[in-house]
Amino acid sequence: MMAPAPGHLLGQIIGTALEQSIEPILRDVADFHNLYLDREGTRSARQGRTKVRWVDGKGNSHNLDFVLERGGTEECVGVPVAFVESAWRRYTKHSRAKAQEIQGALIPLREMYSASSPFLGVIVAGEWTAAALDQLRSNGFSVLHVPLAKIIESFASWRIDVNTHEDTPDEDLQKQVGIYESLADSEKRRLANSLLDPSSPDLLAFGNNLKTALSRRLESVVVLPLRGDAAKFLTIGEAIEGIRQYANQAPPVAPFVRFEIRLTYSNHDSHVATFSESRDAIDFLEQYA
């Protein structure tokens, strides 16, 4: 098997450092909210797999960076309440495609686990177009952007030059990889920790969005039993007349159709579900008991 190119290895190093930079923050949040933080590594619940992998409603599996689980343990997979991805891009030309890739993984998972209304977060580093970041935000993602200058500065403090270009010789790239690999694990963690500025407005906003999503409280549950057949009209006038006739007639004994349930939360999130069977409606509500 051919060895990875030095430029690819350097990109992997930056991506790994980016993951390491956000992990302590997510771990603190998980501890505060009594959640399990899952990330790549050994976990008995995965039966030997090291990748964090979740399956969407269509059976597609997605490898993820971080998942916060309610009720999760080393031995048992819990309910996902936050999915967080990270991504590094040296040039803007591929940032839109990467944003779409992240959406393609996390949006189906949000739909699959809509009962827990999971938080979607992404930490992006390097050069990203405003359009790519806006695309993520418009799809419900909380975005933390670490500028390229900050990445260059943090690695330079350890004599590693990541301010490379497409024509940078492989020998120069391999030299930077070698310098990083020569660092002790504690030094690599210190490098990673320097990537995020604790006073950064973006980091504070990202953290607040995550805490708000995890701290939301259920404020009301509305259950609407629907009966009768749907009435279809061709014009607004006919619909108005149909409503008047319905309002003036004696209460009908119509067949049951379905339950509509709306859950409303303190952060203004809402979740609506419909069920034709009472048992299914009860099973749904018991997830929140």
Protein backbone atom coordinates (compact mmCIF):
# COMPACT_ATOMS: atom_id res chain seq x y z
CA MET A 1 0.00 0.00 0.00
CA MET A 2 1.33 3.42 -0.97
CA ALA A 3 2.21 5.71 1.96
CA PRO A 4 0.05 8.85 2.29
CA ALA A 5 1.52 11.99 0.72
CA PRO A 6 3.19 14.38 3.20
CA GLY A 7 0.63 17.08 2.42
CA HIS A 8 -2.19 14.67 3.29
CA LEU A 9 -0.44 13.68 6.51
CA LEU A 10 -0.03 17.32 7.51
CA GLY A 11 -3.72 17.92 6.89
CA GLN A 12 -4.58 14.93 9.08
CA ILE A 13 -2.36 16.33 11.83
CA ILE A 14 -4.19 19.67 11.75
CA GLY A 15 -7.56 17.89 11.75
CA THR A 16 -6.55 15.78 14.75
CA ALA A 17 -5.33 18.84 16.64
CA LEU A 18 -8.65 20.55 15.89
CA GLU A 19 -10.57 17.61 17.39
CA GLN A 20 -8.30 17.63 20.44
CA SER A 21 -8.90 21.35 20.92
CA ILE A 22 -12.68 21.01 21.24
CA GLU A 23 -12.80 17.75 23.20
CA PRO A 24 -12.11 19.28 26.67
CA ILE A 25 -14.90 21.81 26.15
CA LEU A 26 -17.38 19.10 25.14
CA ARG A 27 -16.26 16.91 28.04
CA ASP A 28 -16.91 19.72 30.54
CA VAL A 29 -20.40 20.21 29.07
CA ALA A 30 -21.05 16.46 29.19
CA ASP A 31 -19.98 16.25 32.84
CA PHE A 32 -22.16 19.21 33.80
CA HIS A 33 -25.27 17.75 32.13
CA ASN A 34 -24.52 14.15 33.14
CA LEU A 35 -24.09 13.03 29.52
CA TYR A 36 -21.76 10.53 27.87
CA LEU A 37 -19.25 11.98 25.38
CA ASP A 38 -18.40 9.52 22.63
CA ARG A 39 -15.43 9.97 20.31
CA GLU A 40 -13.14 7.75 18.29
CA GLY A 41 -11.50 5.05 20.38
CA THR A 42 -12.26 1.84 22.20
CA ARG A 43 -15.72 1.40 23.71
CA SER A 44 -17.26 -1.92 24.67
CA ALA A 45 -20.65 -0.80 23.33
CA ARG A 46 -19.11 -0.73 19.83
CA GLN A 47 -18.02 -4.37 19.96
CA GLY A 48 -14.48 -3.75 18.76
CA ARG A 49 -15.10 -0.83 16.39
CA THR A 50 -13.11 2.31 17.15
CA LYS A 51 -15.10 4.64 14.86
CA VAL A 52 -18.10 6.57 16.16
CA ARG A 53 -20.78 5.40 13.73
CA TRP A 54 -24.52 6.17 13.67
CA VAL A 55 -27.14 4.96 11.19
CA ASP A 56 -29.85 7.20 9.73
CA GLY A 57 -33.44 6.33 8.85
CA LYS A 58 -32.47 5.01 5.40
CA GLY A 59 -29.88 2.62 6.77
CA ASN A 60 -26.88 4.76 5.81
CA SER A 61 -24.05 4.79 8.36
CA HIS A 62 -22.02 7.92 9.15
CA ASN A 63 -18.67 8.17 10.92
CA LEU A 64 -18.72 11.09 13.35
CA ASP A 65 -16.27 13.00 15.53
CA PHE A 66 -18.29 13.57 18.71
CA VAL A 67 -21.70 12.53 20.03
CA LEU A 68 -23.22 13.52 23.36
CA GLU A 69 -25.61 10.84 24.64
CA ARG A 70 -28.22 10.93 27.37
CA GLY A 71 -28.11 7.68 29.31
CA GLY A 72 -25.00 6.44 27.50
CA THR A 73 -22.22 4.47 29.18
CA GLU A 74 -19.14 2.55 28.07
CA GLU A 75 -21.34 -0.52 27.74
CA CYS A 76 -24.61 1.01 26.52
CA VAL A 77 -25.40 3.45 23.70
CA GLY A 78 -27.67 6.26 24.87
CA VAL A 79 -29.97 8.75 23.15
CA PRO A 80 -28.05 11.27 21.01
CA VAL A 81 -28.61 14.88 22.09
CA ALA A 82 -25.71 16.51 20.19
CA PHE A 83 -23.72 15.69 17.07
CA VAL A 84 -20.50 17.70 16.62
CA GLU A 85 -18.20 17.52 13.59
CA SER A 86 -14.89 19.23 12.83
CA ALA A 87 -13.24 19.97 9.49
CA TRP A 88 -10.07 21.66 8.22
CA ARG A 89 -9.67 23.28 4.82
CA ARG A 90 -6.50 24.98 3.54
CA TYR A 91 -8.23 26.46 0.49
CA THR A 92 -11.74 27.79 0.02
CA LYS A 93 -12.31 25.93 -3.26
CA HIS A 94 -13.49 22.76 -1.49
CA SER A 95 -15.26 24.34 1.47
CA ARG A 96 -18.74 24.28 -0.08
CA ALA A 97 -18.43 20.59 -0.92
CA LYS A 98 -17.26 19.80 2.62
CA ALA A 99 -20.19 21.75 4.08
CA GLN A 100 -22.57 19.67 1.95
CA GLU A 101 -20.84 16.48 3.10
CA ILE A 102 -21.35 17.43 6.75
CA GLN A 103 -25.00 18.27 6.10
CA GLY A 104 -25.45 14.97 4.27
CA ALA A 105 -24.40 13.12 7.40
CA LEU A 106 -25.95 15.11 10.23
CA ILE A 107 -29.29 16.28 8.83
CA PRO A 108 -30.54 12.68 8.23
CA LEU A 109 -29.40 11.80 11.75
CA ARG A 110 -31.28 14.77 13.16
CA GLU A 111 -34.40 13.52 11.37
CA MET A 112 -33.84 9.95 12.55
CA TYR A 113 -33.50 11.03 16.19
CA SER A 114 -35.94 13.93 16.04
CA ALA A 115 -37.52 12.85 19.33
CA SER A 116 -34.41 14.12 21.15
CA SER A 117 -34.02 17.13 18.80
CA PRO A 118 -30.21 16.82 18.77
CA PHE A 119 -27.93 19.85 18.61
CA LEU A 120 -25.89 20.06 15.39
CA GLY A 121 -22.48 21.71 15.72
CA VAL A 122 -19.48 22.04 13.46
CA ILE A 123 -15.99 23.41 14.15
CA VAL A 124 -14.34 24.50 10.91
CA ALA A 125 -10.75 25.68 10.60
CA GLY A 126 -8.79 27.35 7.83
CA GLU A 127 -10.18 28.97 4.70
CA TRP A 128 -13.95 28.72 4.26
CA THR A 129 -16.18 30.84 2.06
CA ALA A 130 -18.89 32.91 3.73
CA ALA A 131 -21.41 31.07 1.53
CA ALA A 132 -20.31 27.68 2.89
CA LEU A 133 -20.62 28.85 6.50
CA ASP A 134 -23.98 30.52 5.84
CA GLN A 135 -25.20 27.30 4.22
CA LEU A 136 -24.45 25.38 7.42
CA ARG A 137 -26.08 28.02 9.65
CA SER A 138 -29.20 28.18 7.49
CA ASN A 139 -29.62 24.42 7.96
CA GLY A 140 -29.65 24.70 11.74
CA PHE A 141 -25.95 24.21 12.52
CA SER A 142 -24.08 26.13 15.19
CA VAL A 143 -20.75 27.03 13.55
CA LEU A 144 -17.41 27.79 15.20
CA HIS A 145 -14.79 29.05 12.74
CA VAL A 146 -11.07 28.98 13.60
CA PRO A 147 -9.27 31.29 11.11
CA LEU A 148 -6.29 30.08 9.11
CA ALA A 149 -4.08 32.71 10.77
CA LYS A 150 -4.79 31.17 14.19
CA ILE A 151 -3.87 27.69 12.93
CA ILE A 152 -0.61 28.98 11.42
CA GLU A 153 0.26 30.89 14.61
CA SER A 154 -0.38 27.95 16.96
CA PHE A 155 1.70 25.49 14.94
CA ALA A 156 4.47 28.04 14.38
CA SER A 157 4.90 28.34 18.15
CA TRP A 158 6.14 24.72 17.98
CA ARG A 159 8.36 25.42 14.92
CA ILE A 160 5.89 23.74 12.55
CA ASP A 161 5.12 25.64 9.34
CA VAL A 162 1.61 24.86 8.09
CA ASN A 163 1.46 27.97 5.90
CA THR A 164 1.95 25.75 2.87
CA HIS A 165 0.84 26.06 -0.73
CA GLU A 166 0.01 23.67 -3.54
CA ASP A 167 3.57 23.94 -4.89
CA THR A 168 5.31 23.38 -1.53
CA PRO A 169 7.88 20.57 -2.05
CA ASP A 170 7.14 17.21 -0.43
CA GLU A 171 10.47 17.38 1.41
CA ASP A 172 9.37 20.56 3.20
CA LEU A 173 5.99 19.07 4.05
CA GLN A 174 7.58 15.86 5.36
CA LYS A 175 9.88 17.95 7.56
CA GLN A 176 6.86 19.60 9.23
CA VAL A 177 5.26 16.18 9.76
CA GLY A 178 8.47 14.96 11.36
CA ILE A 179 8.65 17.90 13.76
CA TYR A 180 5.08 17.27 14.92
CA GLU A 181 5.66 13.55 15.35
CA SER A 182 8.70 14.30 17.49
CA LEU A 183 6.57 16.17 20.04
CA ALA A 184 5.57 14.47 23.26
CA ASP A 185 1.86 13.74 23.76
CA SER A 186 1.65 16.49 26.38
CA GLU A 187 3.14 18.97 23.90
CA LYS A 188 0.66 17.94 21.22
CA ARG A 189 -2.19 18.58 23.67
CA ARG A 190 -0.80 22.02 24.52
CA LEU A 191 -0.57 22.83 20.81
CA ALA A 192 -4.18 21.72 20.31
CA ASN A 193 -5.40 23.73 23.29
CA SER A 194 -3.84 26.88 21.82
CA LEU A 195 -6.05 26.67 18.71
CA LEU A 196 -9.10 28.02 20.55
CA ASP A 197 -9.16 31.42 22.21
CA PRO A 198 -11.35 31.17 25.36
CA SER A 199 -12.42 34.80 24.91
CA SER A 200 -13.39 34.38 21.24
CA PRO A 201 -16.99 35.58 20.64
CA ASP A 202 -17.47 32.65 18.22
CA LEU A 203 -16.40 30.11 20.84
CA LEU A 204 -18.57 31.71 23.52
CA ALA A 205 -21.58 31.75 21.17
CA PHE A 206 -21.01 28.11 20.19
CA GLY A 207 -20.80 27.08 23.83
CA ASN A 208 -23.91 29.04 24.76
CA ASN A 209 -25.88 27.51 21.88
CA LEU A 210 -24.88 24.04 23.01
CA LYS A 211 -25.72 24.70 26.66
CA THR A 212 -29.08 26.21 25.70
CA ALA A 213 -29.98 23.18 23.59
CA LEU A 214 -29.05 20.80 26.40
CA SER A 215 -30.76 22.85 29.13
CA ARG A 216 -34.12 23.24 27.42
CA ARG A 217 -37.19 22.30 29.45
CA LEU A 218 -40.49 20.89 28.29
CA GLU A 219 -43.13 23.60 28.74
CA SER A 220 -46.25 22.05 27.28
CA VAL A 221 -47.67 18.95 25.62
CA VAL A 222 -50.68 19.36 23.33
CA VAL A 223 -52.56 16.23 22.28
CA LEU A 224 -55.21 16.68 19.60
CA PRO A 225 -57.40 13.64 18.77
CA LEU A 226 -58.72 14.02 15.21
CA ARG A 227 -61.96 12.42 14.03
CA GLY A 228 -63.91 12.36 10.80
CA ASP A 229 -63.06 12.37 7.12
CA ALA A 230 -61.11 15.15 5.45
CA ALA A 231 -63.21 17.58 3.42
CA LYS A 232 -61.75 18.83 0.14
CA PHE A 233 -62.92 22.07 -1.52
CA LEU A 234 -62.07 23.70 -4.83
CA THR A 235 -62.37 27.32 -3.67
CA ILE A 236 -61.90 29.38 -0.51
CA GLY A 237 -65.58 30.27 -0.55
CA GLU A 238 -66.62 26.62 -0.58
CA ALA A 239 -64.21 25.91 2.30
CA ILE A 240 -65.69 28.76 4.37
CA GLU A 241 -69.20 27.48 3.76
CA GLY A 242 -68.12 23.96 4.68
CA ILE A 243 -66.70 25.19 8.01
CA ARG A 244 -69.95 27.07 8.75
CA GLN A 245 -72.00 23.98 8.11
CA TYR A 246 -69.73 21.90 10.33
CA ALA A 247 -69.92 24.48 13.14
CA ASN A 248 -73.73 24.56 13.03
CA GLN A 249 -74.38 20.83 13.09
CA ALA A 250 -74.76 18.72 16.18
CA PRO A 251 -71.55 17.14 17.48
CA PRO A 252 -71.01 14.17 15.18
CA VAL A 253 -69.86 10.73 16.22
CA ALA A 254 -67.13 10.32 13.64
CA PRO A 255 -64.49 7.61 13.37
CA PHE A 256 -61.10 8.28 15.00
CA VAL A 257 -58.36 9.29 12.53
CA ARG A 258 -55.17 10.05 14.44
CA PHE A 259 -53.48 11.80 17.35
CA GLU A 260 -51.46 14.94 16.72
CA ILE A 261 -48.93 15.72 19.46
CA ARG A 262 -46.93 18.91 19.83
CA LEU A 263 -44.14 19.31 22.39
CA THR A 264 -43.00 22.87 23.10
CA TYR A 265 -39.74 23.70 24.88
CA SER A 266 -38.33 26.65 26.81
CA ASN A 267 -35.94 27.58 23.97
CA HIS A 268 -38.90 27.76 21.53
CA ASP A 269 -38.07 24.43 19.89
CA SER A 270 -41.08 22.30 19.08
CA HIS A 271 -41.61 18.75 17.93
CA VAL A 272 -44.79 17.59 16.18
CA ALA A 273 -45.71 13.96 15.61
CA THR A 274 -48.82 12.12 14.41
CA PHE A 275 -49.96 8.58 15.26
CA SER A 276 -52.88 6.46 14.13
CA GLU A 277 -52.52 4.05 17.05
CA SER A 278 -52.79 5.05 20.71
CA ARG A 279 -50.02 2.62 21.68
CA ASP A 280 -47.60 4.35 19.31
CA ALA A 281 -48.55 7.76 20.72
CA ILE A 282 -47.94 6.52 24.26
CA ASP A 283 -44.59 4.98 23.27
CA PHE A 284 -43.58 8.33 21.78
CA LEU A 285 -44.49 10.29 24.91
CA GLU A 286 -42.81 7.77 27.20
CA GLN A 287 -39.47 8.76 25.63
CA TYR A 288 -39.84 12.09 27.45
CA ALA A 289 -41.18 10.79 30.76
